[in-house]
Protein backbone atom coordinates (compact mmCIF):
# COMPACT_ATOMS: atom_id res chain seq x y z
CA MET A 1 -17.77 -29.30 -32.24
CA SER A 2 -16.99 -28.75 -28.84
CA LEU A 3 -17.68 -26.11 -26.62
CA PHE A 4 -15.25 -23.14 -26.04
CA ILE A 5 -15.01 -20.03 -23.49
CA TYR A 6 -13.10 -17.24 -24.77
CA GLU A 7 -12.23 -13.77 -23.17
CA ALA A 8 -11.63 -10.72 -25.52
CA ILE A 9 -11.54 -7.00 -26.01
CA ASN A 10 -14.18 -5.69 -28.11
CA GLU A 11 -13.62 -1.82 -30.29
CA GLU A 12 -14.48 -0.23 -27.38
CA GLY A 13 -11.55 -2.04 -25.43
CA ARG A 14 -13.75 -3.36 -23.02
CA ILE A 15 -12.81 -7.15 -22.35
CA VAL A 16 -15.74 -9.53 -23.21
CA THR A 17 -16.07 -13.19 -21.85
CA ASN A 18 -18.76 -15.63 -24.05
CA GLU A 19 -18.97 -19.37 -25.16
CA ILE A 20 -18.52 -20.73 -28.89
CA ASN A 21 -19.25 -24.18 -30.50
CA SER A 22 -16.99 -24.18 -33.10
CA ALA A 23 -14.31 -27.56 -34.39
CA SER A 24 -11.33 -25.54 -33.01
CA LYS A 25 -9.82 -22.83 -31.67
CA GLU A 26 -8.36 -21.76 -35.05
CA GLU A 27 -12.04 -21.48 -36.27
CA VAL A 28 -12.77 -19.70 -32.56
CA VAL A 29 -9.84 -16.47 -33.76
CA ALA A 30 -11.55 -16.91 -37.00
CA VAL A 31 -15.21 -16.04 -35.94
CA LEU A 32 -13.94 -13.08 -33.12
CA ALA A 33 -11.76 -11.54 -36.15
CA GLN A 34 -15.03 -11.28 -37.89
CA LYS A 35 -16.69 -9.90 -34.90
CA ASN A 36 -14.14 -7.45 -34.63
CA LEU A 37 -12.80 -9.40 -31.21
CA SER A 38 -9.08 -9.80 -30.20
CA PRO A 39 -8.58 -12.73 -28.17
CA ILE A 40 -6.91 -12.55 -24.75
CA LYS A 41 -7.70 -16.36 -24.07
CA ILE A 42 -9.26 -19.37 -25.41
CA GLU A 43 -9.77 -22.65 -23.75
CA LEU A 44 -12.36 -25.89 -23.70
CA LYS A 45 -15.20 -25.64 -21.44
CA GLY A 46 -14.39 -27.76 -18.11
CA SER A 47 -10.61 -27.86 -18.96
CA GLU A 48 -8.55 -27.63 -16.10
CA SER A 49 -6.81 -24.35 -16.81
CA ASN A 50 -10.55 -23.23 -17.50
CA LYS A 51 -11.32 -23.52 -14.15
CA SER A 52 -8.50 -21.78 -12.96
CA VAL A 53 -9.02 -18.96 -14.11
CA GLY A 54 -12.12 -17.59 -12.34
CA SER A 55 -9.90 -17.88 -9.20
CA GLN A 56 -7.11 -16.18 -10.25
CA ALA A 57 -9.07 -12.92 -11.70
CA ILE A 58 -10.84 -12.82 -8.26
CA PHE A 59 -7.38 -13.31 -6.06
CA GLU A 60 -4.77 -11.69 -8.42
CA SER A 61 -4.21 -8.37 -8.12
CA PHE A 62 -1.40 -5.73 -9.68
CA THR A 63 1.80 -5.64 -7.20
CA SER A 64 4.14 -3.27 -7.21
CA LEU A 65 6.56 -5.23 -8.69
CA ASP A 66 4.10 -5.92 -11.54
CA LYS A 67 4.11 -2.11 -12.19
CA ILE A 68 7.63 -1.98 -11.68
CA ILE A 69 8.13 -4.63 -13.82
CA LEU A 70 5.72 -3.38 -16.40
CA VAL A 71 6.71 0.31 -16.71
CA ARG A 72 10.56 -1.22 -17.10
CA ASN A 73 9.58 -3.62 -19.83
CA LEU A 74 7.83 -0.65 -21.89
CA ALA A 75 10.26 1.99 -21.46
CA ALA A 76 13.07 -0.62 -22.77
CA THR A 77 11.36 -1.57 -25.76
CA ILE A 78 10.30 1.91 -26.48
CA LYS A 79 13.88 2.75 -26.20
CA ALA A 80 14.80 -0.23 -28.32
CA GLY A 81 12.92 1.59 -31.30
CA LEU A 82 9.72 -0.65 -31.12
CA THR A 83 6.40 1.35 -31.72
CA LEU A 84 3.97 1.32 -29.23
CA ASN A 85 1.76 -1.09 -30.66
CA GLU A 86 4.79 -3.30 -31.10
CA ALA A 87 5.98 -2.84 -27.64
CA LEU A 88 2.69 -4.36 -26.12
CA GLU A 89 2.54 -6.85 -28.52
CA ILE A 90 6.08 -8.30 -27.16
CA MET A 91 5.23 -7.48 -23.39
CA VAL A 92 1.76 -9.45 -24.12
CA ALA A 93 3.43 -12.86 -25.61
CA ASP A 94 5.65 -12.39 -22.81
CA THR A 95 3.61 -12.22 -19.50
CA ASN A 96 2.15 -14.75 -17.46
CA LYS A 97 -0.18 -13.61 -15.28
CA ASN A 98 -3.29 -13.43 -16.18
CA ILE A 99 -4.19 -10.10 -14.76
CA VAL A 100 -1.75 -8.05 -16.46
CA LYS A 101 -1.96 -9.90 -19.70
CA LYS A 102 -5.36 -8.44 -20.14
CA PHE A 103 -4.53 -4.80 -18.86
CA LEU A 104 -1.96 -4.91 -21.38
CA VAL A 105 -4.27 -6.46 -23.89
CA GLU A 106 -6.57 -4.35 -23.17
CA ALA A 107 -4.23 -1.45 -23.48
CA ARG A 108 -2.82 -2.84 -26.84
CA GLN A 109 -6.60 -2.80 -27.89
CA GLY A 110 -6.60 1.03 -27.02
CA VAL A 111 -3.60 2.10 -28.51
CA LEU A 112 -4.67 0.35 -32.14
CA ASN A 113 -8.25 2.67 -31.46
CA GLY A 114 -6.45 5.67 -31.47
CA GLN A 115 -6.41 6.15 -27.89
CA PRO A 116 -3.41 7.84 -25.57
CA LEU A 117 -1.42 5.67 -23.36
CA SER A 118 -2.39 7.23 -20.43
CA ASN A 119 -5.90 7.56 -21.03
CA ILE A 120 -6.01 3.36 -20.49
CA PHE A 121 -3.57 3.77 -17.35
CA GLU A 122 -6.70 6.31 -15.66
CA LYS A 123 -9.48 3.78 -16.58
CA HIS A 124 -7.46 1.67 -14.33
CA GLU A 125 -7.38 4.19 -11.18
CA LYS A 126 -7.48 1.38 -8.43
CA ASP A 127 -4.68 -0.15 -9.87
CA PHE A 128 -2.86 3.08 -10.87
CA SER A 129 -2.39 6.41 -9.01
CA PRO A 130 -2.72 9.44 -10.21
CA ILE A 131 1.25 10.08 -10.17
CA PHE A 132 1.20 7.02 -12.64
CA THR A 133 -1.03 8.04 -15.47
CA GLY A 134 0.38 12.22 -14.75
CA MET A 135 3.82 11.16 -15.90
CA ILE A 136 2.74 8.91 -18.72
CA ARG A 137 0.82 11.83 -19.78
CA ALA A 138 3.24 14.28 -19.40
CA GLY A 139 5.74 11.51 -21.55
CA GLU A 140 3.14 11.66 -24.64
CA SER A 141 2.75 15.42 -24.83
CA SER A 142 6.53 15.88 -24.86
CA GLY A 143 7.15 12.81 -27.16
CA MET A 144 9.46 11.73 -24.70
CA LEU A 145 7.78 8.78 -23.37
CA ASP A 146 10.43 6.66 -23.09
CA LYS A 147 12.26 9.16 -20.24
CA SER A 148 9.09 9.44 -18.65
CA LEU A 149 9.07 5.92 -18.40
CA GLU A 150 12.38 5.41 -16.86
CA GLU A 151 11.70 8.24 -14.01
CA LEU A 152 8.30 6.77 -13.41
CA ASN A 153 10.53 3.38 -13.28
CA SER A 154 12.87 5.08 -10.96
CA HIS A 155 10.24 6.70 -8.85
CA LEU A 156 8.22 3.40 -8.62
CA ASP A 157 11.56 1.35 -7.72
CA ARG A 158 12.50 3.97 -4.84
CA GLU A 159 9.21 4.21 -3.36
CA TYR A 160 8.92 0.21 -3.21
CA LYS A 161 12.27 -0.23 -1.57
CA LEU A 162 11.60 2.47 1.34
CA ILE A 163 8.16 0.66 1.83
CA LYS A 164 9.98 -2.53 2.35
CA LYS A 165 12.64 -0.66 4.17
CA ILE A 166 9.95 0.10 6.85
CA LYS A 167 8.02 -3.51 6.75
CA GLY A 168 11.05 -5.10 7.64
CA ALA A 169 11.90 -2.87 10.37
CA LEU A 170 8.37 -3.39 11.76
CA THR A 171 8.11 -7.07 11.58
CA TYR A 172 9.92 -7.99 14.60
CA PRO A 173 7.72 -5.20 16.81
CA ILE A 174 4.90 -6.39 15.24
CA ILE A 175 5.36 -10.54 15.89
CA LEU A 176 6.19 -9.58 19.76
CA VAL A 177 2.98 -7.46 19.85
CA VAL A 178 0.97 -10.71 18.21
CA ALA A 179 2.74 -12.85 20.49
CA SER A 180 1.71 -11.10 23.74
CA ILE A 181 -2.20 -10.71 22.53
CA GLY A 182 -1.82 -14.54 21.81
CA ILE A 183 -0.49 -15.16 25.22
CA ILE A 184 -2.99 -13.17 27.36
CA THR A 185 -5.79 -14.13 25.33
CA VAL A 186 -5.00 -18.08 25.97
CA MET A 187 -4.23 -17.25 30.02
CA LEU A 188 -7.31 -15.19 30.00
CA THR A 189 -9.99 -17.64 27.98
CA PHE A 190 -8.56 -20.72 28.77
CA VAL A 191 -6.35 -20.73 32.08
CA LEU A 192 -7.95 -18.65 34.09
CA PRO A 193 -11.44 -20.09 33.83
CA ARG A 194 -10.64 -22.98 35.39
CA LEU A 195 -8.51 -21.99 38.21
CA SER A 196 -11.37 -19.76 39.49
CA LYS A 197 -13.88 -22.55 39.44
CA SER A 198 -11.57 -24.21 41.64
CA PHE A 199 -11.15 -21.05 43.68
CA ALA A 200 -14.75 -21.19 43.94
CA GLN A 201 -15.42 -24.62 45.40
CA ASN A 202 -12.68 -23.99 47.86
CA ASN A 203 -14.27 -20.55 49.07
CA VAL A 204 -10.83 -18.82 48.32
CA GLU A 205 -10.79 -15.24 49.13
CA LEU A 206 -9.37 -13.52 45.99
CA PRO A 207 -7.01 -10.52 45.76
CA THR A 208 -8.29 -7.19 43.71
CA ILE A 209 -6.18 -7.69 41.15
CA THR A 210 -7.38 -11.46 40.63
CA LYS A 211 -10.98 -10.58 40.53
CA VAL A 212 -10.37 -7.43 38.05
CA LEU A 213 -8.83 -10.14 35.76
CA VAL A 214 -11.73 -12.80 36.48
CA ALA A 215 -14.19 -10.38 35.39
CA ILE A 216 -12.48 -9.47 32.12
CA SER A 217 -11.69 -13.25 31.61
CA ASN A 218 -15.68 -13.94 32.21
CA VAL A 219 -16.81 -10.99 29.72
CA LEU A 220 -14.42 -12.74 27.13
CA THR A 221 -15.56 -16.16 27.52
CA PHE A 222 -19.45 -15.32 27.56
CA SER A 223 -19.60 -15.74 23.65
CA PRO A 224 -16.85 -16.78 21.67
CA VAL A 225 -19.54 -16.06 18.79
CA LEU A 226 -20.04 -12.43 19.93
CA ASP A 227 -16.19 -12.12 20.33
CA VAL A 228 -15.14 -12.96 16.68
CA VAL A 229 -17.97 -10.23 15.74
CA ILE A 230 -16.48 -7.40 17.42
CA VAL A 231 -12.83 -8.03 16.99
CA VAL A 232 -14.00 -8.50 12.83
CA GLY A 233 -16.37 -5.16 13.41
CA PHE A 234 -13.54 -3.49 15.17
CA ILE A 235 -11.13 -4.33 12.27
CA GLY A 236 -13.59 -3.66 9.71
CA PHE A 237 -14.06 0.16 11.21
CA VAL A 238 -10.60 0.75 11.28
CA MET A 239 -10.07 -0.16 8.40
CA TYR A 240 -12.75 2.11 7.13
CA PHE A 241 -12.44 4.58 9.27
CA ARG A 242 -8.79 5.00 7.60
CA LYS A 243 -9.79 5.96 4.40
CA THR A 244 -12.13 8.39 5.37
CA ALA A 245 -10.60 11.88 5.49
CA THR A 246 -11.82 12.61 9.15
CA GLY A 247 -9.64 8.95 9.55
CA LYS A 248 -6.39 10.27 7.77
CA LYS A 249 -6.35 13.32 9.46
CA PHE A 250 -7.22 11.60 13.13
CA ILE A 251 -4.11 9.61 12.32
CA SER A 252 -2.00 12.20 10.91
CA GLU A 253 -2.78 13.87 14.56
CA VAL A 254 -2.22 11.15 16.51
CA SER A 255 0.98 9.82 14.93
CA PHE A 256 2.72 13.79 14.91
CA LYS A 257 2.15 13.70 19.13
CA ILE A 258 4.37 10.46 19.33
CA PRO A 259 7.93 11.37 20.17
CA VAL A 260 9.28 8.09 19.45
CA ALA A 261 7.56 7.95 15.81
CA LYS A 262 7.20 11.65 14.66
CA ASN A 263 10.49 12.69 13.69
CA LEU A 264 10.12 9.24 11.31
CA ILE A 265 7.28 9.69 10.03
CA LYS A 266 8.14 13.46 9.41
CA LYS A 267 11.16 12.47 7.24
CA ILE A 268 9.14 9.50 5.39
CA MET A 269 7.01 12.19 4.28
CA LEU A 270 10.12 14.76 3.28
CA VAL A 271 11.42 11.51 1.19
CA ARG A 272 8.15 11.16 -0.66
CA PHE A 273 7.22 14.70 -0.75
CA ALA A 274 10.84 15.67 -2.27
CA ARG A 275 11.26 12.16 -4.57
CA THR A 276 7.32 12.58 -6.27
CA LEU A 277 7.60 16.47 -6.55
CA GLY A 278 11.59 15.78 -8.90
CA SER A 279 10.55 12.82 -10.79
CA LEU A 280 6.54 15.02 -12.02
CA ILE A 281 8.37 18.04 -12.44
CA GLY A 282 11.54 15.69 -13.95
CA SER A 283 8.54 14.32 -16.66
CA ALA A 284 8.27 17.92 -17.62
CA LEU A 285 5.13 18.42 -15.52
CA SER A 286 4.06 22.09 -14.89
CA ILE A 287 4.94 22.80 -10.90
CA SER A 288 1.27 23.77 -10.46
CA GLU A 289 -0.04 20.07 -11.46
CA SER A 290 3.15 18.43 -10.25
CA LEU A 291 1.97 19.60 -6.45
CA THR A 292 -1.33 18.60 -6.81
CA LEU A 293 -0.45 14.72 -7.84
CA THR A 294 2.35 15.32 -5.29
CA ALA A 295 -0.07 16.34 -2.52
CA LYS A 296 -2.79 12.95 -3.05
CA ALA A 297 0.67 10.47 -2.64
CA VAL A 298 2.34 11.87 0.35
CA GLY A 299 -0.21 9.86 2.39
CA ASN A 300 -0.44 12.32 5.46
CA SER A 301 -3.60 15.26 5.60
CA LYS A 302 -0.54 17.75 7.53
CA TYR A 303 1.12 17.37 4.74
CA GLU A 304 -1.28 17.38 1.86
CA GLU A 305 -3.13 20.24 3.46
CA ALA A 306 0.05 22.21 3.51
CA ILE A 307 1.13 21.58 -0.71
CA ILE A 308 -1.82 21.89 -1.85
CA ARG A 309 -1.85 25.25 0.27
CA ALA A 310 1.65 26.31 -1.40
CA GLY A 311 -0.13 25.18 -4.92
CA LYS A 312 -2.43 27.93 -4.16
CA GLU A 313 0.26 30.25 -3.01
CA ILE A 314 2.34 29.73 -6.64
CA LYS A 315 -0.18 30.82 -8.64
CA ASN A 316 -0.33 33.49 -7.07
CA GLY A 317 3.49 34.48 -7.84
CA ILE A 318 4.97 33.74 -5.10
CA PRO A 319 8.23 30.89 -5.38
CA LEU A 320 7.51 27.34 -3.74
CA SER A 321 10.72 27.76 -1.48
CA ARG A 322 8.84 31.14 0.47
CA ALA A 323 5.47 29.17 0.43
CA LEU A 324 7.13 26.07 2.23
CA LYS A 325 8.66 27.97 4.33
CA ASN A 326 5.47 28.87 5.70
CA ASN A 327 4.95 25.73 7.32
CA PRO A 328 8.36 25.25 9.40
CA SER A 329 7.26 22.06 11.36
CA LEU A 330 6.82 20.20 8.48
CA PHE A 331 9.31 21.85 6.04
CA PRO A 332 12.56 22.29 7.23
CA ASN A 333 15.10 25.19 6.38
CA PHE A 334 17.71 22.42 4.63
CA LEU A 335 14.48 21.85 2.10
CA THR A 336 13.09 25.49 1.32
CA SER A 337 17.07 26.51 0.92
CA LEU A 338 17.68 23.84 -1.47
CA VAL A 339 14.28 24.41 -3.39
CA ALA A 340 15.82 28.19 -3.52
CA VAL A 341 18.49 27.19 -5.25
CA GLY A 342 16.96 25.09 -7.37
CA GLU A 343 14.49 27.80 -8.86
CA LYS A 344 16.84 29.86 -9.10
CA THR A 345 19.31 27.62 -11.36
CA GLY A 346 16.28 25.80 -12.91
CA THR A 347 18.12 22.31 -11.23
CA LEU A 348 14.69 21.71 -8.85
CA ASP A 349 14.01 18.35 -9.98
CA LYS A 350 17.65 16.98 -9.96
CA VAL A 351 17.71 19.27 -6.64
CA LEU A 352 14.46 17.48 -5.06
CA LYS A 353 15.59 14.20 -5.82
CA ASN A 354 19.17 14.39 -4.36
CA PHE A 355 17.11 15.41 -1.37
CA SER A 356 15.27 12.67 -1.18
CA ASP A 357 18.18 10.57 -1.60
CA PHE A 358 19.66 12.27 1.38
CA TYR A 359 17.01 11.89 3.96
CA GLU A 360 16.01 8.09 2.84
CA GLU A 361 19.79 7.34 4.34
CA ASP A 362 18.70 9.50 7.64
CA VAL A 363 14.90 6.91 7.44
CA SER A 364 17.01 3.90 7.54
CA GLY A 365 19.55 5.53 10.45
CA ALA A 366 15.65 6.11 12.26
CA LEU A 367 14.42 3.23 11.63
CA ASN A 368 16.84 1.41 13.07
CA ASP A 369 17.08 3.94 16.31
CA LEU A 370 13.22 3.01 16.71
CA THR A 371 13.53 -0.65 16.36
CA THR A 372 16.26 -0.45 19.04
CA ILE A 373 13.85 1.22 21.30
CA LEU A 374 10.41 -0.41 21.01
CA GLU A 375 12.10 -4.32 21.39
CA PRO A 376 13.01 -4.15 24.50
CA LEU A 377 10.13 -1.56 25.20
CA LEU A 378 7.74 -4.21 24.66
CA LEU A 379 9.75 -6.92 25.46
CA LEU A 380 9.59 -5.48 29.27
CA GLY A 381 5.67 -4.64 28.59
CA MET A 382 4.69 -8.26 27.56
CA GLY A 383 7.10 -9.44 31.09
CA LEU A 384 4.89 -6.98 33.16
CA VAL A 385 1.52 -8.16 31.75
CA VAL A 386 2.45 -11.85 31.28
CA GLY A 387 3.92 -11.37 34.90
CA LEU A 388 1.06 -10.06 36.60
CA ILE A 389 -1.43 -12.66 35.43
CA ALA A 390 1.01 -15.33 36.69
CA LEU A 391 0.80 -13.36 40.20
CA SER A 392 -2.70 -13.15 40.02
CA ILE A 393 -2.92 -16.89 39.59
CA LEU A 394 -0.12 -17.36 41.77
CA LEU A 395 -1.80 -15.61 45.07
CA PRO A 396 -5.08 -17.56 45.30
CA ILE A 397 -3.36 -20.49 44.65
CA TYR A 398 -0.98 -20.15 47.89
CA SER A 399 -4.21 -19.06 49.82
CA MET A 400 -5.54 -22.12 48.71
CA VAL A 401 -3.08 -24.14 49.84
CA GLY A 402 -2.03 -22.54 52.99
CA THR A 403 -5.56 -23.88 53.95
CA PHE A 404 -4.67 -27.15 53.34
CA ASN A 405 -1.90 -26.72 56.35
């Protein structure tokens, strides 16, 4: 008899982990079947693969690509004529990533128990946004799940590419900023303290700029542990603050006051708004529900508040185009005019998607313009700061050398 560790899905759709003594894996499967448990993983206790399961579960997460692949495969299998249960069964067999496999097994068990697929996604709100579950629910309600999944796949794919563009454009400026901070930190914590001791021993009169930098250096080198605590605490506070309602509002207000970034942020928000709303309406969701979900997804408190107000006005019988016109600083006349045309012709989803495609090209151009401006400014700033520190070091050295002559 050997000791096996198993992970399985119970009748309620939850994952359970336990140990069992058995002669083989086949016997374990039979025992689990008697207990109405669907096995996910069965391993001998102490095996190498079993040791890695815990670490995989901790460090694995649903990435954007995982979601795109999941939705794309699910849409393709359903479109091919397979039932939802058969589609999920095939995907479970073809998936290697532990966290994805666990979810698919749970989804299959839930479908077998009569649960809607959208309910299963909704249980994992940490990994799947309200837009995700909303579009799947709309597909289930309309009987066009494959089309909703294709629409969702297109939305996720374009959002992923947009984020990738933004990250790619900002990578070099971020590297410059980090390099600048690194150089300044090394000079203030290692170079200047050693030189300041030499200056003190030789009674060199320090210029004002050197005195200021020496004071900063003394603060930084007073307690390295305290420095680390302050830096980690500050980063933690920023990460927490940016997720709060106050933090989101503050970031939105500040970002809209930065001349270089204002237009770019506005264009990114408009692309997200138009694409998300167009995808949701195309999935047969009502405009009111689509606006509610879009407000959560747009990622900017100014736009979120404006979209929520537009949703309330629509409930009072006001057309979307007129509701958006009440915020001309956020929604340009070009967009509201197109929305008005879409409302009259019944092609609002297509109009919004075309607008998002058009503005996405503008975003690419704005990103290039931003990096073109930022790179020389950052290099200039980096050069000025490093030059200032170098000057504060060289002036006392020249003064000290002069005393020897």
